[in-house]
C-alpha cells in the first residue's frame, strides 16, 4: 500500500530540515510514538501505538535511514511487529523538503506492507488513520517550530 501526501509549514526549509533530521525530537510530534532512540548510527528503535479502525495496534520496531540528501530529502526503511495482533509492518518512507513562498513544502511517500490481523482491516481504515496522524503531526510540528523548538 502506498500513501503519498504533503503539507506546508510556515518556517524556512533549513529549520524544517534540521527538525525532521533530529529523529528523537521529531518523533515527539508523531502521535503514539514512544521511546524512540538511536541504537546505532542511523538506526532508531521505538514503539508506536495507534487505533486503526476498531483495533488498537502497538508496534515495536526499528527504522534505518537509507538516504540523506541535505537539506532536501530523507529516506528510511522500517520494520515493526505487534505480537498481540500477530501483525507486522514493513516498508519505506521518503520525506522531501522544498522551499515555497509560504515557508516549506514537506512531501512524503510511504510504501507499507502489512501482514496478520492488521492487514485484514483494509486500506481505507489504514489510510484514514494515516491522514489523522499526519494532521496531528503537522499541528505539533508547526507549533514546535513557531515556539523556536527547532533551534
N, C-alpha and C. Protein backbone atom coordinates (compact mmCIF):
# COMPACT_ATOMS: atom_id res chain seq x y z
N UNK A 1 0.85 -1.16 0.00
CA UNK A 1 0.00 0.00 0.00
C UNK A 1 0.91 1.23 0.00
N UNK A 2 0.56 2.20 -0.82
CA UNK A 2 1.34 3.42 -0.91
C UNK A 2 0.49 4.60 -0.46
N UNK A 3 1.11 5.45 0.36
CA UNK A 3 0.45 6.65 0.86
C UNK A 3 1.34 7.83 0.50
N UNK A 4 0.80 8.76 -0.28
CA UNK A 4 1.54 9.96 -0.66
C UNK A 4 0.72 11.16 -0.24
N UNK A 5 1.39 12.16 0.32
CA UNK A 5 0.70 13.38 0.72
C UNK A 5 1.76 14.44 1.01
N UNK A 6 1.31 15.59 1.44
CA UNK A 6 2.23 16.66 1.78
C UNK A 6 1.52 17.74 2.55
N UNK A 7 2.31 18.68 3.04
CA UNK A 7 1.77 19.79 3.81
C UNK A 7 2.78 20.94 3.77
N UNK A 8 2.30 22.14 4.09
CA UNK A 8 3.16 23.32 4.12
C UNK A 8 3.37 23.74 5.57
N UNK A 9 4.61 24.07 5.90
CA UNK A 9 4.97 24.53 7.24
C UNK A 9 5.45 25.98 7.12
N UNK A 10 4.98 26.83 8.01
CA UNK A 10 5.36 28.24 8.00
C UNK A 10 6.70 28.43 8.71
N UNK A 11 7.76 27.90 8.08
CA UNK A 11 9.12 28.02 8.59
C UNK A 11 10.07 27.82 7.42
N UNK A 12 11.29 28.36 7.52
CA UNK A 12 12.25 28.19 6.42
C UNK A 12 12.68 26.73 6.27
N UNK A 13 13.05 26.33 5.05
CA UNK A 13 13.44 24.94 4.80
C UNK A 13 14.57 24.43 5.69
N UNK A 14 15.58 25.25 5.96
CA UNK A 14 16.69 24.77 6.79
C UNK A 14 16.24 24.47 8.21
N UNK A 15 15.29 25.23 8.72
CA UNK A 15 14.75 24.99 10.06
C UNK A 15 13.93 23.71 10.07
N UNK A 16 13.10 23.52 9.05
CA UNK A 16 12.28 22.31 8.95
C UNK A 16 13.18 21.09 8.79
N UNK A 17 14.19 21.18 7.93
CA UNK A 17 15.11 20.07 7.72
C UNK A 17 15.81 19.70 9.03
N UNK A 18 16.32 20.68 9.74
CA UNK A 18 17.04 20.41 10.99
C UNK A 18 16.13 19.66 11.97
N UNK A 19 14.87 20.05 12.04
CA UNK A 19 13.95 19.40 12.95
C UNK A 19 13.61 17.98 12.49
N UNK A 20 13.30 17.80 11.21
CA UNK A 20 12.97 16.48 10.67
C UNK A 20 14.16 15.53 10.80
N UNK A 21 15.34 16.05 10.63
CA UNK A 21 16.55 15.24 10.69
C UNK A 21 16.88 14.80 12.11
N UNK A 22 16.35 15.45 13.12
CA UNK A 22 16.58 15.09 14.52
C UNK A 22 15.49 14.09 14.92
N UNK A 23 15.72 12.83 14.64
CA UNK A 23 14.69 11.79 14.75
C UNK A 23 14.06 11.71 16.15
N UNK A 24 14.83 11.67 17.22
CA UNK A 24 14.17 11.63 18.54
C UNK A 24 13.28 12.84 18.82
N UNK A 25 13.68 14.02 18.37
CA UNK A 25 12.87 15.22 18.60
C UNK A 25 11.63 15.23 17.72
N UNK A 26 11.78 14.88 16.45
CA UNK A 26 10.62 14.89 15.56
C UNK A 26 9.64 13.79 15.96
N UNK A 27 10.13 12.69 16.52
CA UNK A 27 9.23 11.61 16.94
C UNK A 27 8.29 12.04 18.06
N UNK A 28 8.67 13.08 18.80
CA UNK A 28 7.79 13.61 19.85
C UNK A 28 6.50 14.18 19.24
N UNK A 29 6.53 14.51 17.95
CA UNK A 29 5.34 15.02 17.27
C UNK A 29 4.53 13.92 16.60
N UNK A 30 5.02 12.71 16.61
CA UNK A 30 4.30 11.59 16.00
C UNK A 30 3.33 11.03 17.04
N UNK A 31 2.04 11.14 16.81
CA UNK A 31 1.07 10.63 17.78
C UNK A 31 1.27 9.14 18.05
N UNK A 32 1.40 8.78 19.31
CA UNK A 32 1.54 7.39 19.70
C UNK A 32 2.96 6.87 19.72
N UNK A 33 3.94 7.67 19.27
CA UNK A 33 5.34 7.23 19.29
C UNK A 33 5.91 7.38 20.70
N UNK A 34 6.73 6.41 21.09
CA UNK A 34 7.35 6.45 22.42
C UNK A 34 8.69 5.74 22.39
N UNK A 35 9.60 6.21 23.23
CA UNK A 35 10.87 5.53 23.41
C UNK A 35 11.77 5.50 22.20
N UNK A 36 11.67 6.47 21.32
CA UNK A 36 12.49 6.47 20.11
C UNK A 36 13.91 6.88 20.49
N UNK A 37 14.86 6.01 20.13
CA UNK A 37 16.26 6.28 20.45
C UNK A 37 17.15 5.64 19.38
N UNK A 38 18.30 6.26 19.16
CA UNK A 38 19.26 5.72 18.21
C UNK A 38 19.99 4.55 18.86
N UNK A 39 19.96 3.39 18.21
CA UNK A 39 20.61 2.20 18.75
C UNK A 39 21.99 1.97 18.14
N UNK A 40 22.21 2.50 16.96
CA UNK A 40 23.50 2.53 16.28
C UNK A 40 23.38 3.61 15.22
N UNK A 41 24.47 4.02 14.58
CA UNK A 41 24.36 5.11 13.62
C UNK A 41 23.26 4.87 12.57
N UNK A 42 22.35 5.84 12.47
CA UNK A 42 21.24 5.83 11.51
C UNK A 42 20.21 4.71 11.73
N UNK A 43 20.20 4.09 12.89
CA UNK A 43 19.20 3.07 13.23
C UNK A 43 18.50 3.51 14.51
N UNK A 44 17.17 3.55 14.45
CA UNK A 44 16.36 4.02 15.57
C UNK A 44 15.33 2.96 15.95
N UNK A 45 15.17 2.73 17.24
CA UNK A 45 14.17 1.79 17.73
C UNK A 45 13.12 2.57 18.50
N UNK A 46 11.91 2.02 18.55
CA UNK A 46 10.85 2.68 19.30
C UNK A 46 9.56 1.92 19.21
N UNK A 47 8.51 2.53 19.77
CA UNK A 47 7.18 1.95 19.78
C UNK A 47 6.20 2.93 19.17
N UNK A 48 5.15 2.40 18.57
CA UNK A 48 4.08 3.22 18.01
C UNK A 48 2.75 2.56 18.33
N UNK A 49 1.88 3.31 18.98
CA UNK A 49 0.54 2.83 19.30
C UNK A 49 -0.46 3.68 18.53
N UNK A 50 -1.41 3.03 17.87
CA UNK A 50 -2.42 3.76 17.10
C UNK A 50 -3.68 2.92 16.99
N UNK A 51 -4.80 3.60 16.95
CA UNK A 51 -6.08 2.93 16.71
C UNK A 51 -6.33 2.93 15.21
N UNK A 52 -6.47 1.75 14.64
CA UNK A 52 -6.72 1.59 13.21
C UNK A 52 -8.09 0.92 13.09
N UNK A 53 -9.08 1.69 12.65
CA UNK A 53 -10.44 1.18 12.64
C UNK A 53 -10.85 0.89 14.08
N UNK A 54 -11.31 -0.32 14.33
CA UNK A 54 -11.74 -0.70 15.68
C UNK A 54 -10.62 -1.38 16.47
N UNK A 55 -9.44 -1.48 15.89
CA UNK A 55 -8.33 -2.21 16.51
C UNK A 55 -7.26 -1.25 17.01
N UNK A 56 -6.76 -1.53 18.20
CA UNK A 56 -5.64 -0.77 18.75
C UNK A 56 -4.37 -1.56 18.50
N UNK A 57 -3.46 -0.96 17.74
CA UNK A 57 -2.20 -1.61 17.40
C UNK A 57 -1.07 -0.99 18.23
N UNK A 58 -0.15 -1.83 18.67
CA UNK A 58 1.02 -1.37 19.43
C UNK A 58 2.25 -2.05 18.84
N UNK A 59 2.95 -1.33 17.99
CA UNK A 59 4.09 -1.89 17.28
C UNK A 59 5.41 -1.51 17.94
N UNK A 60 6.32 -2.46 17.96
CA UNK A 60 7.69 -2.24 18.40
C UNK A 60 8.58 -2.58 17.22
N UNK A 61 9.52 -1.69 16.92
CA UNK A 61 10.36 -1.96 15.77
C UNK A 61 11.49 -0.99 15.62
N UNK A 62 12.00 -0.94 14.40
CA UNK A 62 13.10 -0.03 14.13
C UNK A 62 13.02 0.55 12.73
N UNK A 63 13.67 1.69 12.58
CA UNK A 63 13.78 2.37 11.29
C UNK A 63 15.26 2.62 11.03
N UNK A 64 15.66 2.48 9.78
CA UNK A 64 17.04 2.70 9.38
C UNK A 64 17.07 3.75 8.28
N UNK A 65 17.81 4.81 8.48
CA UNK A 65 17.95 5.84 7.45
C UNK A 65 18.77 5.25 6.31
N UNK A 66 18.21 5.29 5.11
CA UNK A 66 18.87 4.69 3.95
C UNK A 66 19.43 5.72 2.98
N UNK A 67 18.93 6.95 3.07
CA UNK A 67 19.42 8.02 2.20
C UNK A 67 19.19 9.36 2.88
N UNK A 68 20.20 10.22 2.77
CA UNK A 68 20.10 11.57 3.32
C UNK A 68 20.72 12.52 2.31
N UNK A 69 19.89 13.38 1.73
CA UNK A 69 20.36 14.41 0.81
C UNK A 69 20.09 15.74 1.50
N UNK A 70 21.11 16.27 2.15
CA UNK A 70 20.97 17.50 2.94
C UNK A 70 20.84 18.68 2.00
N UNK A 71 19.93 19.57 2.18
CA UNK A 71 18.85 19.65 3.17
C UNK A 71 17.48 19.37 2.56
N UNK A 72 17.38 18.39 1.68
CA UNK A 72 16.11 18.26 0.97
C UNK A 72 15.40 16.91 1.07
N UNK A 73 16.11 15.81 1.29
CA UNK A 73 15.42 14.51 1.27
C UNK A 73 16.02 13.57 2.31
N UNK A 74 15.11 12.83 2.95
CA UNK A 74 15.50 11.81 3.91
C UNK A 74 14.66 10.56 3.61
N UNK A 75 15.31 9.42 3.47
CA UNK A 75 14.61 8.16 3.21
C UNK A 75 15.01 7.14 4.27
N UNK A 76 14.08 6.24 4.57
CA UNK A 76 14.35 5.21 5.57
C UNK A 76 13.51 3.98 5.27
N UNK A 77 13.95 2.87 5.84
CA UNK A 77 13.16 1.64 5.81
C UNK A 77 12.76 1.34 7.25
N UNK A 78 11.67 0.61 7.42
CA UNK A 78 11.22 0.29 8.77
C UNK A 78 10.60 -1.10 8.82
N UNK A 79 10.63 -1.66 10.03
CA UNK A 79 10.01 -2.96 10.29
C UNK A 79 9.55 -2.94 11.73
N UNK A 80 8.30 -3.40 11.96
CA UNK A 80 7.77 -3.42 13.32
C UNK A 80 6.76 -4.56 13.46
N UNK A 81 6.61 -5.03 14.69
CA UNK A 81 5.69 -6.13 15.00
C UNK A 81 4.78 -5.76 16.15
N UNK A 82 3.56 -6.28 16.08
CA UNK A 82 2.61 -6.21 17.19
C UNK A 82 2.28 -7.67 17.52
N UNK A 83 2.89 -8.18 18.57
CA UNK A 83 2.72 -9.60 18.92
C UNK A 83 1.28 -9.92 19.32
N UNK A 84 0.61 -9.01 20.01
CA UNK A 84 -0.77 -9.25 20.44
C UNK A 84 -1.71 -9.42 19.26
N UNK A 85 -1.47 -8.67 18.18
CA UNK A 85 -2.31 -8.78 16.98
C UNK A 85 -1.74 -9.78 15.96
N UNK A 86 -0.59 -10.36 16.29
CA UNK A 86 0.10 -11.23 15.34
C UNK A 86 0.20 -10.53 13.98
N UNK A 87 0.68 -9.29 14.03
CA UNK A 87 0.77 -8.46 12.83
C UNK A 87 2.17 -7.88 12.69
N UNK A 88 2.52 -7.58 11.47
CA UNK A 88 3.79 -6.91 11.21
C UNK A 88 3.62 -5.91 10.08
N UNK A 89 4.46 -4.89 10.09
CA UNK A 89 4.51 -3.92 9.01
C UNK A 89 5.97 -3.75 8.60
N UNK A 90 6.18 -3.62 7.32
CA UNK A 90 7.50 -3.29 6.78
C UNK A 90 7.28 -2.25 5.72
N UNK A 91 8.31 -1.49 5.44
CA UNK A 91 8.16 -0.52 4.38
C UNK A 91 9.28 0.48 4.30
N UNK A 92 9.03 1.48 3.49
CA UNK A 92 9.98 2.57 3.29
C UNK A 92 9.22 3.89 3.32
N UNK A 93 9.93 4.94 3.65
CA UNK A 93 9.34 6.26 3.53
C UNK A 93 10.40 7.26 3.10
N UNK A 94 9.93 8.27 2.38
CA UNK A 94 10.79 9.36 1.94
C UNK A 94 10.10 10.67 2.27
N UNK A 95 10.87 11.60 2.81
CA UNK A 95 10.38 12.94 3.11
C UNK A 95 11.19 13.91 2.26
N UNK A 96 10.49 14.78 1.52
CA UNK A 96 11.11 15.77 0.65
C UNK A 96 10.78 17.16 1.17
N UNK A 97 11.79 18.01 1.34
CA UNK A 97 11.62 19.37 1.85
C UNK A 97 11.94 20.35 0.72
N UNK A 98 10.97 21.26 0.41
CA UNK A 98 11.14 22.21 -0.68
C UNK A 98 10.70 23.60 -0.24
N UNK A 99 11.49 24.61 -0.58
CA UNK A 99 11.12 25.99 -0.27
C UNK A 99 9.93 26.42 -1.12
N UNK A 100 8.96 27.07 -0.48
CA UNK A 100 7.82 27.67 -1.17
C UNK A 100 7.59 29.05 -0.56
N UNK A 101 6.78 29.85 -1.21
CA UNK A 101 6.54 31.22 -0.74
C UNK A 101 6.03 31.27 0.70
N UNK A 102 5.17 30.33 1.07
CA UNK A 102 4.57 30.32 2.41
C UNK A 102 5.49 29.71 3.47
N UNK A 103 6.66 29.21 3.07
CA UNK A 103 7.58 28.59 4.03
C UNK A 103 8.25 27.37 3.42
N UNK A 104 7.77 26.18 3.82
CA UNK A 104 8.37 24.94 3.35
C UNK A 104 7.28 23.93 3.02
N UNK A 105 7.39 23.33 1.86
CA UNK A 105 6.52 22.23 1.48
C UNK A 105 7.21 20.94 1.90
N UNK A 106 6.50 20.10 2.63
CA UNK A 106 7.02 18.81 3.04
C UNK A 106 6.14 17.74 2.39
N UNK A 107 6.72 16.95 1.51
CA UNK A 107 6.01 15.87 0.84
C UNK A 107 6.55 14.55 1.36
N UNK A 108 5.67 13.58 1.51
CA UNK A 108 6.11 12.27 1.96
C UNK A 108 5.47 11.18 1.12
N UNK A 109 6.19 10.09 1.04
CA UNK A 109 5.78 8.92 0.28
C UNK A 109 6.09 7.71 1.15
N UNK A 110 5.05 6.96 1.54
CA UNK A 110 5.22 5.79 2.40
C UNK A 110 4.72 4.57 1.64
N UNK A 111 5.54 3.56 1.60
CA UNK A 111 5.16 2.29 0.96
C UNK A 111 5.16 1.24 2.07
N UNK A 112 3.99 0.70 2.39
CA UNK A 112 3.82 -0.19 3.54
C UNK A 112 3.28 -1.54 3.11
N UNK A 113 3.85 -2.60 3.68
CA UNK A 113 3.31 -3.95 3.53
C UNK A 113 2.89 -4.41 4.92
N UNK A 114 1.67 -4.89 5.04
CA UNK A 114 1.14 -5.35 6.33
C UNK A 114 0.81 -6.83 6.25
N UNK A 115 1.04 -7.51 7.38
CA UNK A 115 0.69 -8.92 7.49
C UNK A 115 -0.04 -9.13 8.80
N UNK A 116 -0.85 -10.17 8.84
CA UNK A 116 -1.55 -10.51 10.07
C UNK A 116 -2.91 -9.85 10.18
N UNK A 117 -3.41 -9.76 11.40
CA UNK A 117 -4.75 -9.24 11.64
C UNK A 117 -4.91 -7.81 11.13
N UNK A 118 -3.87 -6.99 11.30
CA UNK A 118 -3.96 -5.60 10.84
C UNK A 118 -4.20 -5.53 9.34
N UNK A 119 -3.60 -6.42 8.59
CA UNK A 119 -3.77 -6.41 7.13
C UNK A 119 -5.22 -6.69 6.73
N UNK A 120 -5.97 -7.38 7.57
CA UNK A 120 -7.36 -7.70 7.28
C UNK A 120 -8.28 -6.50 7.43
N UNK A 121 -7.81 -5.46 8.12
CA UNK A 121 -8.64 -4.27 8.34
C UNK A 121 -8.89 -3.52 7.04
N UNK A 122 -7.87 -3.47 6.18
CA UNK A 122 -8.06 -2.87 4.87
C UNK A 122 -7.42 -1.51 4.71
N UNK A 123 -7.22 -1.18 3.45
CA UNK A 123 -6.53 0.05 3.04
C UNK A 123 -7.26 1.31 3.51
N UNK A 124 -8.57 1.35 3.40
CA UNK A 124 -9.32 2.57 3.74
C UNK A 124 -9.12 2.95 5.20
N UNK A 125 -9.24 1.99 6.10
CA UNK A 125 -9.05 2.29 7.54
C UNK A 125 -7.63 2.74 7.82
N UNK A 126 -6.65 2.09 7.20
CA UNK A 126 -5.25 2.46 7.40
C UNK A 126 -4.99 3.85 6.84
N UNK A 127 -5.53 4.14 5.66
CA UNK A 127 -5.34 5.45 5.04
C UNK A 127 -5.99 6.55 5.88
N UNK A 128 -7.18 6.31 6.41
CA UNK A 128 -7.83 7.30 7.27
C UNK A 128 -7.02 7.54 8.53
N UNK A 129 -6.48 6.49 9.11
CA UNK A 129 -5.63 6.62 10.29
C UNK A 129 -4.37 7.43 9.96
N UNK A 130 -3.76 7.14 8.82
CA UNK A 130 -2.56 7.87 8.40
C UNK A 130 -2.85 9.36 8.23
N UNK A 131 -3.98 9.69 7.62
CA UNK A 131 -4.34 11.10 7.44
C UNK A 131 -4.58 11.80 8.78
N UNK A 132 -5.23 11.11 9.71
CA UNK A 132 -5.48 11.69 11.04
C UNK A 132 -4.16 11.90 11.79
N UNK A 133 -3.29 10.90 11.76
CA UNK A 133 -2.00 11.03 12.44
C UNK A 133 -1.14 12.12 11.81
N UNK A 134 -1.19 12.23 10.47
CA UNK A 134 -0.43 13.27 9.79
C UNK A 134 -0.93 14.65 10.19
N UNK A 135 -2.24 14.84 10.27
CA UNK A 135 -2.80 16.14 10.67
C UNK A 135 -2.34 16.51 12.08
N UNK A 136 -2.33 15.54 12.99
CA UNK A 136 -1.85 15.79 14.35
C UNK A 136 -0.36 16.10 14.36
N UNK A 137 0.41 15.37 13.53
CA UNK A 137 1.84 15.59 13.43
C UNK A 137 2.14 17.00 12.92
N UNK A 138 1.44 17.42 11.86
CA UNK A 138 1.66 18.74 11.27
C UNK A 138 1.35 19.84 12.29
N UNK A 139 0.27 19.69 13.01
CA UNK A 139 -0.10 20.67 14.03
C UNK A 139 1.00 20.80 15.09
N UNK A 140 1.51 19.67 15.56
CA UNK A 140 2.59 19.68 16.55
C UNK A 140 3.87 20.27 15.97
N UNK A 141 4.22 19.87 14.75
CA UNK A 141 5.43 20.37 14.08
C UNK A 141 5.37 21.88 13.93
N UNK A 142 4.25 22.38 13.45
CA UNK A 142 4.09 23.82 13.26
C UNK A 142 4.21 24.56 14.60
N UNK A 143 3.54 24.06 15.62
CA UNK A 143 3.59 24.69 16.95
C UNK A 143 5.01 24.67 17.50
N UNK A 144 5.69 23.56 17.35
CA UNK A 144 7.05 23.44 17.86
C UNK A 144 7.99 24.41 17.15
N UNK A 145 7.88 24.50 15.83
CA UNK A 145 8.75 25.40 15.07
C UNK A 145 8.43 26.87 15.37
N UNK A 146 7.18 27.19 15.55
CA UNK A 146 6.80 28.59 15.89
C UNK A 146 7.30 28.98 17.26
N UNK A 147 7.42 28.01 18.17
CA UNK A 147 7.95 28.28 19.51
C UNK A 147 9.46 28.32 19.52
N UNK A 148 10.08 28.10 18.37
CA UNK A 148 11.53 28.10 18.30
C UNK A 148 12.13 26.76 18.70
N UNK A 149 11.32 25.69 18.64
CA UNK A 149 11.76 24.39 19.09
C UNK A 149 12.73 23.68 18.17
N UNK A 150 13.01 24.25 17.00
CA UNK A 150 13.92 23.56 16.07
C UNK A 150 15.35 24.04 16.19
N UNK A 151 15.60 25.00 17.02
CA UNK A 151 16.97 25.52 17.12
C UNK A 151 17.78 24.76 18.12
